[in-house]
């Protein structure tokens, strides 16, 4: 099953909902590309909300992850942090939590039981300007 990635925005926070397998090949390349795209086009977040990009990865529908998928998650964190952005994980299944724990990847992410909990963990703020996201 190919990896599907849906992008949403909630209170100025970008939510990427992943569904399928995060594995070596096109899936991990697509994921890395999507994170890069979000980071490159997210200047509107700072303009409107006054902060660097905030991302929540909803992993509740990820059925399998391999070492390349784990590498893609680490690369996503590295990319976001190097740009001053933040990234958090949400909706980890028991299987996903076990894989992330065994590989110690879970130690570099903040993990939450729900997307709402991850979104609410970021400090609250009101929009600073009336700026709409630019279409991609």
N, C-alpha and C. Protein backbone atom coordinates (compact mmCIF):
# COMPACT_ATOMS: atom_id res chain seq x y z
N UNK A 1 0.85 -1.18 0.00
CA UNK A 1 0.00 0.00 0.00
C UNK A 1 0.89 1.25 0.00
N UNK A 2 0.65 2.12 -0.92
CA UNK A 2 1.42 3.37 -1.02
C UNK A 2 1.12 4.25 0.18
N UNK A 3 2.04 5.13 0.49
CA UNK A 3 1.86 6.07 1.59
C UNK A 3 1.03 7.24 1.10
N UNK A 4 -0.04 7.53 1.82
CA UNK A 4 -0.87 8.70 1.54
C UNK A 4 -0.58 9.75 2.60
N UNK A 5 -0.46 10.99 2.17
CA UNK A 5 -0.18 12.08 3.10
C UNK A 5 -1.21 13.18 2.87
N UNK A 6 -1.98 13.47 3.91
CA UNK A 6 -2.95 14.56 3.85
C UNK A 6 -2.46 15.69 4.73
N UNK A 7 -2.54 16.89 4.20
CA UNK A 7 -2.09 18.08 4.94
C UNK A 7 -3.29 18.91 5.37
N UNK A 8 -3.29 19.30 6.65
CA UNK A 8 -4.32 20.17 7.19
C UNK A 8 -3.63 21.25 8.02
N UNK A 9 -4.38 22.28 8.35
CA UNK A 9 -3.87 23.33 9.23
C UNK A 9 -4.90 23.54 10.33
N UNK A 10 -4.42 23.59 11.57
CA UNK A 10 -5.30 23.79 12.71
C UNK A 10 -4.61 24.76 13.66
N UNK A 11 -5.21 25.92 13.88
CA UNK A 11 -4.67 26.95 14.77
C UNK A 11 -3.22 27.31 14.41
N UNK A 12 -2.93 27.35 13.11
CA UNK A 12 -1.60 27.72 12.66
C UNK A 12 -0.59 26.59 12.73
N UNK A 13 -1.05 25.39 13.01
CA UNK A 13 -0.17 24.22 13.10
C UNK A 13 -0.47 23.30 11.93
N UNK A 14 0.59 22.88 11.23
CA UNK A 14 0.44 22.00 10.08
C UNK A 14 0.34 20.56 10.58
N UNK A 15 -0.72 19.87 10.16
CA UNK A 15 -0.90 18.48 10.52
C UNK A 15 -0.74 17.63 9.26
N UNK A 16 0.18 16.69 9.33
CA UNK A 16 0.38 15.74 8.23
C UNK A 16 -0.13 14.39 8.69
N UNK A 17 -1.21 13.93 8.07
CA UNK A 17 -1.79 12.64 8.39
C UNK A 17 -1.24 11.61 7.42
N UNK A 18 -0.51 10.64 7.93
CA UNK A 18 0.09 9.61 7.10
C UNK A 18 -0.75 8.34 7.19
N UNK A 19 -0.93 7.67 6.06
CA UNK A 19 -1.67 6.41 6.02
C UNK A 19 -0.95 5.45 5.07
N UNK A 20 -0.69 4.25 5.54
CA UNK A 20 -0.02 3.25 4.72
C UNK A 20 1.31 2.86 5.33
N UNK A 21 2.26 2.53 4.47
CA UNK A 21 3.56 2.05 4.91
C UNK A 21 4.62 3.13 4.71
N UNK A 22 5.42 3.36 5.73
CA UNK A 22 6.54 4.30 5.63
C UNK A 22 7.80 3.45 5.51
N UNK A 23 8.18 3.16 4.27
CA UNK A 23 9.24 2.19 3.99
C UNK A 23 10.20 2.72 2.92
N UNK A 24 11.28 1.94 2.73
CA UNK A 24 12.28 2.26 1.72
C UNK A 24 11.63 2.40 0.35
N UNK A 25 12.04 3.39 -0.39
CA UNK A 25 11.53 3.59 -1.74
C UNK A 25 10.73 4.86 -1.87
N UNK A 26 9.74 4.80 -2.72
CA UNK A 26 8.93 5.98 -3.03
C UNK A 26 8.24 6.55 -1.80
N UNK A 27 7.80 5.66 -0.89
CA UNK A 27 7.07 6.12 0.29
C UNK A 27 7.92 7.05 1.15
N UNK A 28 9.12 6.63 1.49
CA UNK A 28 9.95 7.48 2.34
C UNK A 28 10.40 8.73 1.59
N UNK A 29 10.62 8.61 0.28
CA UNK A 29 10.98 9.79 -0.52
C UNK A 29 9.83 10.78 -0.57
N UNK A 30 8.60 10.27 -0.72
CA UNK A 30 7.42 11.15 -0.74
C UNK A 30 7.27 11.87 0.60
N UNK A 31 7.48 11.15 1.69
CA UNK A 31 7.37 11.75 3.01
C UNK A 31 8.41 12.85 3.19
N UNK A 32 9.65 12.57 2.85
CA UNK A 32 10.71 13.58 2.97
C UNK A 32 10.38 14.80 2.11
N UNK A 33 9.89 14.54 0.90
CA UNK A 33 9.53 15.64 0.00
C UNK A 33 8.41 16.49 0.56
N UNK A 34 7.42 15.85 1.19
CA UNK A 34 6.28 16.58 1.75
C UNK A 34 6.73 17.47 2.91
N UNK A 35 7.60 16.95 3.77
CA UNK A 35 8.10 17.76 4.89
C UNK A 35 8.89 18.95 4.34
N UNK A 36 9.71 18.70 3.34
CA UNK A 36 10.48 19.79 2.73
C UNK A 36 9.54 20.85 2.13
N UNK A 37 8.51 20.39 1.45
CA UNK A 37 7.53 21.31 0.84
C UNK A 37 6.84 22.15 1.91
N UNK A 38 6.43 21.52 2.99
CA UNK A 38 5.76 22.25 4.08
C UNK A 38 6.69 23.31 4.65
N UNK A 39 7.94 22.96 4.87
CA UNK A 39 8.90 23.91 5.44
C UNK A 39 9.18 25.07 4.49
N UNK A 40 9.25 24.78 3.19
CA UNK A 40 9.56 25.82 2.21
C UNK A 40 8.41 26.80 2.00
N UNK A 41 7.18 26.33 2.11
CA UNK A 41 6.04 27.20 1.83
C UNK A 41 5.39 27.77 3.08
N UNK A 42 6.02 27.58 4.22
CA UNK A 42 5.34 27.94 5.46
C UNK A 42 5.70 29.31 6.02
N UNK A 43 6.25 30.17 5.21
CA UNK A 43 6.53 31.53 5.69
C UNK A 43 5.25 32.24 6.14
N UNK A 44 4.11 31.86 5.55
CA UNK A 44 2.84 32.47 5.94
C UNK A 44 2.52 32.20 7.41
N UNK A 45 3.00 31.07 7.96
CA UNK A 45 2.74 30.76 9.37
C UNK A 45 3.34 31.84 10.26
N UNK A 46 4.60 32.19 9.98
CA UNK A 46 5.26 33.21 10.80
C UNK A 46 4.59 34.57 10.61
N UNK A 47 4.21 34.88 9.37
CA UNK A 47 3.55 36.16 9.09
C UNK A 47 2.22 36.27 9.81
N UNK A 48 1.43 35.18 9.79
CA UNK A 48 0.10 35.23 10.37
C UNK A 48 0.11 34.98 11.88
N UNK A 49 0.85 33.98 12.32
CA UNK A 49 0.78 33.55 13.71
C UNK A 49 1.95 34.03 14.55
N UNK A 50 3.04 34.48 13.93
CA UNK A 50 4.16 35.01 14.69
C UNK A 50 5.13 33.97 15.20
N UNK A 51 5.08 32.77 14.68
CA UNK A 51 6.02 31.74 15.10
C UNK A 51 6.51 30.94 13.90
N UNK A 52 7.60 30.23 14.11
CA UNK A 52 8.12 29.34 13.08
C UNK A 52 7.14 28.18 12.90
N UNK A 53 7.31 27.43 11.87
CA UNK A 53 6.42 26.33 11.54
C UNK A 53 6.33 25.32 12.68
N UNK A 54 5.12 24.88 12.94
CA UNK A 54 4.84 23.83 13.91
C UNK A 54 4.14 22.71 13.17
N UNK A 55 4.67 21.50 13.30
CA UNK A 55 4.14 20.35 12.57
C UNK A 55 3.75 19.26 13.55
N UNK A 56 2.62 18.61 13.27
CA UNK A 56 2.21 17.40 13.99
C UNK A 56 2.09 16.30 12.95
N UNK A 57 2.78 15.18 13.19
CA UNK A 57 2.67 14.02 12.32
C UNK A 57 1.67 13.06 12.95
N UNK A 58 0.55 12.85 12.28
CA UNK A 58 -0.49 11.91 12.73
C UNK A 58 -0.14 10.55 12.14
N UNK A 59 0.36 9.65 12.99
CA UNK A 59 0.83 8.34 12.54
C UNK A 59 -0.16 7.22 12.84
N UNK A 60 -1.38 7.56 13.19
CA UNK A 60 -2.39 6.57 13.57
C UNK A 60 -2.75 5.58 12.48
N UNK A 61 -2.54 5.94 11.23
CA UNK A 61 -2.90 5.05 10.12
C UNK A 61 -1.69 4.46 9.41
N UNK A 62 -0.51 4.59 10.03
CA UNK A 62 0.70 3.98 9.46
C UNK A 62 0.71 2.53 9.88
N UNK A 63 0.68 1.64 8.90
CA UNK A 63 0.58 0.21 9.19
C UNK A 63 1.93 -0.47 9.40
N UNK A 64 3.00 0.12 8.85
CA UNK A 64 4.31 -0.49 8.96
C UNK A 64 5.38 0.57 8.72
N UNK A 65 6.49 0.46 9.44
CA UNK A 65 7.62 1.34 9.22
C UNK A 65 8.88 0.48 9.27
N UNK A 66 9.80 0.71 8.32
CA UNK A 66 11.08 0.00 8.33
C UNK A 66 12.19 0.98 8.69
N UNK A 67 13.43 0.52 8.58
CA UNK A 67 14.55 1.38 8.97
C UNK A 67 14.63 2.64 8.11
N UNK A 68 14.28 2.54 6.84
CA UNK A 68 14.27 3.73 5.98
C UNK A 68 13.19 4.71 6.44
N UNK A 69 12.06 4.18 6.87
CA UNK A 69 10.99 5.03 7.40
C UNK A 69 11.41 5.72 8.68
N UNK A 70 12.13 4.98 9.55
CA UNK A 70 12.66 5.59 10.77
C UNK A 70 13.65 6.69 10.41
N UNK A 71 14.49 6.41 9.41
CA UNK A 71 15.44 7.42 8.95
C UNK A 71 14.74 8.65 8.41
N UNK A 72 13.62 8.44 7.72
CA UNK A 72 12.85 9.56 7.19
C UNK A 72 12.26 10.41 8.32
N UNK A 73 11.82 9.75 9.40
CA UNK A 73 11.30 10.49 10.55
C UNK A 73 12.41 11.33 11.19
N UNK A 74 13.59 10.73 11.35
CA UNK A 74 14.73 11.46 11.92
C UNK A 74 15.13 12.62 11.01
N UNK A 75 15.14 12.37 9.70
CA UNK A 75 15.48 13.43 8.75
C UNK A 75 14.46 14.57 8.83
N UNK A 76 13.18 14.23 9.00
CA UNK A 76 12.14 15.25 9.13
C UNK A 76 12.39 16.10 10.37
N UNK A 77 12.74 15.46 11.46
CA UNK A 77 13.03 16.21 12.69
C UNK A 77 14.25 17.10 12.50
N UNK A 78 15.29 16.56 11.90
CA UNK A 78 16.51 17.33 11.67
C UNK A 78 16.23 18.55 10.79
N UNK A 79 15.45 18.35 9.73
CA UNK A 79 15.12 19.45 8.82
C UNK A 79 14.31 20.53 9.53
N UNK A 80 13.33 20.13 10.32
CA UNK A 80 12.49 21.12 10.99
C UNK A 80 13.28 21.89 12.04
N UNK A 81 14.07 21.18 12.83
CA UNK A 81 14.84 21.84 13.89
C UNK A 81 15.87 22.79 13.29
N UNK A 82 16.51 22.39 12.18
CA UNK A 82 17.52 23.26 11.58
C UNK A 82 16.90 24.54 11.02
N UNK A 83 15.61 24.55 10.76
CA UNK A 83 14.92 25.75 10.29
C UNK A 83 14.24 26.51 11.42
N UNK A 84 14.44 26.06 12.65
CA UNK A 84 13.81 26.72 13.78
C UNK A 84 12.38 26.29 13.99
N UNK A 85 11.94 25.27 13.29
CA UNK A 85 10.57 24.79 13.39
C UNK A 85 10.47 23.71 14.47
N UNK A 86 9.26 23.26 14.74
CA UNK A 86 9.00 22.22 15.74
C UNK A 86 8.19 21.10 15.08
N UNK A 87 8.41 19.87 15.58
CA UNK A 87 7.67 18.72 15.06
C UNK A 87 7.34 17.78 16.20
N UNK A 88 6.11 17.25 16.20
CA UNK A 88 5.65 16.32 17.24
C UNK A 88 4.91 15.17 16.58
N UNK A 89 4.87 14.05 17.27
CA UNK A 89 4.18 12.86 16.77
C UNK A 89 2.89 12.66 17.53
N UNK A 90 1.87 12.14 16.83
CA UNK A 90 0.58 11.90 17.47
C UNK A 90 -0.01 10.58 16.98
N UNK A 91 -0.88 10.02 17.81
CA UNK A 91 -1.68 8.84 17.46
C UNK A 91 -0.83 7.60 17.16
N UNK A 92 0.21 7.39 17.94
CA UNK A 92 1.04 6.21 17.71
C UNK A 92 0.26 4.96 18.08
N UNK A 93 0.23 4.00 17.16
CA UNK A 93 -0.36 2.71 17.49
C UNK A 93 0.60 1.98 18.43
N UNK A 94 0.12 0.93 19.05
CA UNK A 94 0.98 0.15 19.95
C UNK A 94 2.18 -0.39 19.18
N UNK A 95 1.94 -0.88 17.99
CA UNK A 95 3.02 -1.43 17.15
C UNK A 95 4.05 -0.34 16.80
N UNK A 96 3.56 0.83 16.42
CA UNK A 96 4.44 1.94 16.06
C UNK A 96 5.22 2.41 17.28
N UNK A 97 4.56 2.51 18.41
CA UNK A 97 5.24 2.93 19.64
C UNK A 97 6.35 1.94 19.99
N UNK A 98 6.09 0.65 19.82
CA UNK A 98 7.11 -0.37 20.11
C UNK A 98 8.32 -0.22 19.19
N UNK A 99 8.07 -0.02 17.91
CA UNK A 99 9.17 0.14 16.95
C UNK A 99 9.99 1.38 17.29
N UNK A 100 9.31 2.48 17.59
CA UNK A 100 10.02 3.71 17.93
C UNK A 100 10.77 3.59 19.25
N UNK A 101 10.22 2.82 20.18
CA UNK A 101 10.90 2.62 21.47
C UNK A 101 12.13 1.73 21.32
N UNK A 102 11.99 0.62 20.63
CA UNK A 102 13.10 -0.31 20.43
C UNK A 102 14.26 0.38 19.71
N UNK A 103 13.94 1.19 18.72
CA UNK A 103 14.97 1.88 17.94
C UNK A 103 15.47 3.16 18.61
N UNK A 104 14.85 3.54 19.73
CA UNK A 104 15.18 4.75 20.48
C UNK A 104 14.81 6.04 19.74
N UNK A 105 14.11 5.92 18.64
CA UNK A 105 13.67 7.11 17.90
C UNK A 105 12.68 7.92 18.74
N UNK A 106 11.92 7.25 19.57
CA UNK A 106 10.93 7.91 20.41
C UNK A 106 11.57 8.94 21.36
N UNK A 107 12.86 8.77 21.64
CA UNK A 107 13.53 9.67 22.58
C UNK A 107 13.78 11.06 22.01
N UNK A 108 13.71 11.22 20.69
CA UNK A 108 13.98 12.53 20.10
C UNK A 108 12.71 13.29 19.71
N UNK A 109 11.55 12.68 19.94
CA UNK A 109 10.28 13.31 19.60
C UNK A 109 9.41 13.46 20.85
N UNK A 110 8.57 14.48 20.83
CA UNK A 110 7.47 14.57 21.79
C UNK A 110 6.32 13.79 21.17
N UNK A 111 5.76 12.82 21.91
CA UNK A 111 4.69 11.97 21.39
C UNK A 111 3.41 12.18 22.20
N UNK A 112 2.27 12.18 21.49
CA UNK A 112 0.98 12.43 22.11
C UNK A 112 -0.03 11.40 21.64
N UNK A 113 -1.03 11.15 22.48
CA UNK A 113 -2.05 10.15 22.16
C UNK A 113 -3.00 10.60 21.06
N UNK A 114 -3.15 11.90 20.87
CA UNK A 114 -4.07 12.41 19.85
C UNK A 114 -3.48 13.65 19.18
N UNK A 115 -4.03 13.96 18.01
CA UNK A 115 -3.62 15.18 17.31
C UNK A 115 -3.97 16.39 18.16
N UNK A 116 -5.14 16.37 18.78
CA UNK A 116 -5.58 17.49 19.60
C UNK A 116 -4.61 17.73 20.75
N UNK A 117 -4.16 16.66 21.39
CA UNK A 117 -3.21 16.80 22.50
C UNK A 117 -1.89 17.39 22.01
N UNK A 118 -1.44 16.96 20.84
CA UNK A 118 -0.20 17.49 20.27
C UNK A 118 -0.35 18.97 19.93
N UNK A 119 -1.47 19.33 19.31
CA UNK A 119 -1.73 20.73 18.97
C UNK A 119 -1.81 21.57 20.23
N UNK A 120 -2.50 21.07 21.25
CA UNK A 120 -2.66 21.83 22.50
C UNK A 120 -1.37 21.93 23.29
N UNK A 121 -0.38 21.10 22.99
CA UNK A 121 0.89 21.17 23.71
C UNK A 121 1.73 22.37 23.28
N UNK A 122 1.42 22.92 22.11
CA UNK A 122 2.12 24.13 21.66
C UNK A 122 1.54 25.33 22.39
N UNK A 123 2.35 26.34 22.70
CA UNK A 123 1.83 27.55 23.35
C UNK A 123 0.74 28.20 22.48
N UNK A 124 -0.26 28.72 23.11
CA UNK A 124 -1.37 29.38 22.41
C UNK A 124 -0.98 30.79 22.00
N UNK A 125 -1.56 31.22 20.88
CA UNK A 125 -1.38 32.59 20.41
C UNK A 125 -2.50 32.92 19.45
N UNK A 126 -2.72 34.18 19.29
CA UNK A 126 -3.70 34.67 18.32
C UNK A 126 -2.97 35.06 17.05
N UNK A 127 -3.65 34.99 15.90
CA UNK A 127 -3.01 35.43 14.66
C UNK A 127 -2.57 36.89 14.78
N UNK A 128 -1.40 37.19 14.19
CA UNK A 128 -0.88 38.56 14.26
C UNK A 128 -1.29 39.40 13.07
N UNK A 129 -1.67 38.76 11.98
CA UNK A 129 -2.03 39.51 10.78
C UNK A 129 -3.07 38.71 10.00
N UNK A 130 -3.73 39.38 9.10
CA UNK A 130 -4.71 38.71 8.26
C UNK A 130 -4.02 38.23 6.98
N UNK A 131 -3.29 37.15 7.10
CA UNK A 131 -2.53 36.61 5.99
C UNK A 131 -3.03 35.22 5.69
N UNK A 132 -3.38 34.95 4.46
CA UNK A 132 -3.84 33.62 4.05
C UNK A 132 -2.67 32.83 3.51
N UNK A 133 -2.72 31.49 3.64
CA UNK A 133 -1.64 30.69 3.06
C UNK A 133 -1.60 30.85 1.56
N UNK A 134 -0.42 30.83 1.01
CA UNK A 134 -0.27 30.93 -0.44
C UNK A 134 -0.54 29.57 -1.05
N UNK A 135 -1.30 29.53 -2.13
CA UNK A 135 -1.60 28.25 -2.76
C UNK A 135 -0.33 27.65 -3.35
N UNK A 136 -0.27 26.31 -3.29
CA UNK A 136 0.92 25.64 -3.84
C UNK A 136 0.74 25.27 -5.28
